[in-house]
Protein backbone atom coordinates (compact mmCIF):
# COMPACT_ATOMS: atom_id res chain seq x y z
CA MET A 1 91.25 -5.51 41.56
CA GLU A 2 90.52 -8.19 39.42
CA LEU A 3 87.35 -10.62 40.24
CA THR A 4 87.77 -13.91 40.07
CA ALA A 5 85.69 -16.59 37.93
CA LYS A 6 83.90 -17.26 41.53
CA HIS A 7 83.41 -13.40 42.28
CA ARG A 8 81.86 -13.41 38.84
CA GLU A 9 79.44 -16.43 39.15
CA TYR A 10 78.34 -15.06 42.89
CA TRP A 11 77.37 -11.67 41.51
CA HIS A 12 75.30 -13.21 38.39
CA LYS A 13 73.45 -15.45 40.69
CA ASN A 14 72.89 -12.83 42.62
CA LEU A 15 71.54 -10.42 40.21
CA ILE A 16 69.46 -13.13 38.59
CA VAL A 17 67.36 -13.47 42.17
CA THR A 18 67.41 -9.77 42.66
CA ALA A 19 65.40 -9.34 38.55
CA ILE A 20 62.99 -12.26 39.15
CA LEU A 21 62.21 -10.65 42.70
CA LEU A 22 61.94 -7.18 41.34
CA PHE A 23 59.58 -8.62 38.24
CA ILE A 24 57.70 -10.08 41.15
CA TRP A 25 57.87 -6.35 42.85
CA PHE A 26 56.82 -4.67 40.20
CA LEU A 27 53.52 -6.92 38.94
CA VAL A 28 52.55 -6.69 42.61
CA THR A 29 52.69 -2.89 42.62
CA PHE A 30 52.11 -1.95 39.29
CA VAL A 31 50.25 -4.02 37.41
CA GLU A 32 47.56 -4.70 40.08
CA GLY A 33 46.94 -1.40 40.49
CA TRP A 34 46.39 -1.19 36.91
CA TYR A 35 43.75 -3.77 36.78
CA ALA A 36 42.78 -2.80 39.99
CA ARG A 37 39.01 -2.58 38.93
CA GLU A 38 39.00 -5.87 36.49
CA LEU A 39 40.01 -7.47 39.55
CA ASN A 40 37.40 -5.96 42.30
CA ALA A 41 34.73 -8.43 40.16
CA TYR A 42 36.72 -11.14 42.20
CA THR A 43 36.69 -11.58 46.04
CA PHE A 44 39.04 -12.73 48.65
CA LEU A 45 37.94 -12.98 52.57
CA GLY A 46 34.79 -11.16 51.17
CA PHE A 47 36.46 -7.93 49.94
CA PRO A 48 36.97 -6.94 46.35
CA LEU A 49 40.46 -8.55 45.27
CA GLY A 50 42.16 -5.61 43.76
CA PHE A 51 40.79 -3.37 47.26
CA TYR A 52 42.40 -6.92 49.47
CA MET A 53 45.68 -6.72 47.39
CA SER A 54 46.28 -2.82 47.51
CA ALA A 55 45.89 -3.01 51.08
CA GLN A 56 46.88 -6.16 52.54
CA GLY A 57 47.85 -8.96 49.60
CA SER A 58 50.73 -6.80 48.42
CA LEU A 59 52.32 -6.20 52.39
CA LEU A 60 52.05 -10.01 52.24
CA ILE A 61 53.68 -10.48 49.30
CA TYR A 62 56.49 -7.69 49.89
CA VAL A 63 57.44 -9.73 53.31
CA VAL A 64 57.41 -12.74 51.79
CA ILE A 65 59.95 -11.24 48.69
CA ILE A 66 62.08 -10.36 51.86
CA GLY A 67 61.86 -13.40 52.97
CA ILE A 68 62.78 -15.27 50.07
CA TYR A 69 65.82 -13.03 49.47
CA ALA A 70 67.40 -13.15 53.00
CA ARG A 71 67.55 -17.32 52.70
CA TYR A 72 68.62 -18.17 49.31
CA MET A 73 71.58 -15.29 49.64
CA ASN A 74 72.63 -16.74 53.20
CA LYS A 75 72.40 -20.42 51.39
CA LEU A 76 74.46 -18.02 48.30
CA ASP A 77 76.85 -16.55 51.13
CA LYS A 78 77.39 -20.20 52.70
CA GLU A 79 78.06 -22.01 48.99
CA TYR A 80 80.91 -19.60 48.08
CA ASP A 81 82.25 -19.40 51.62
CA VAL A 82 81.69 -15.64 52.32
CA HIS A 83 79.03 -15.74 55.01
CA GLU A 84 79.87 -13.72 57.81
CA GLY A 85 79.32 -15.67 60.97
CA GLU A 86 77.41 -18.39 62.42
CA ASP A 87 73.58 -17.91 61.69
CA ASP A 88 72.44 -21.35 62.07
């Protein structure tokens, strides 16, 4: 099956947003863990920042990443007329 230019453009935009969100995920998961001791010099809501990010902050960021991806893909699906139904 030959992909049209419209399909390629849709897939390219999907890959770009996925790469950006995966980069943010990588920063929150691995880079934060690597520098947790240094981050503990700062506090957030009375907790050391490294501890807070490992215990709660990263989970909140994961949920935000999922929400951003879902909203962006719904918008992109409607833009390229490939949405699956009435989502309003």
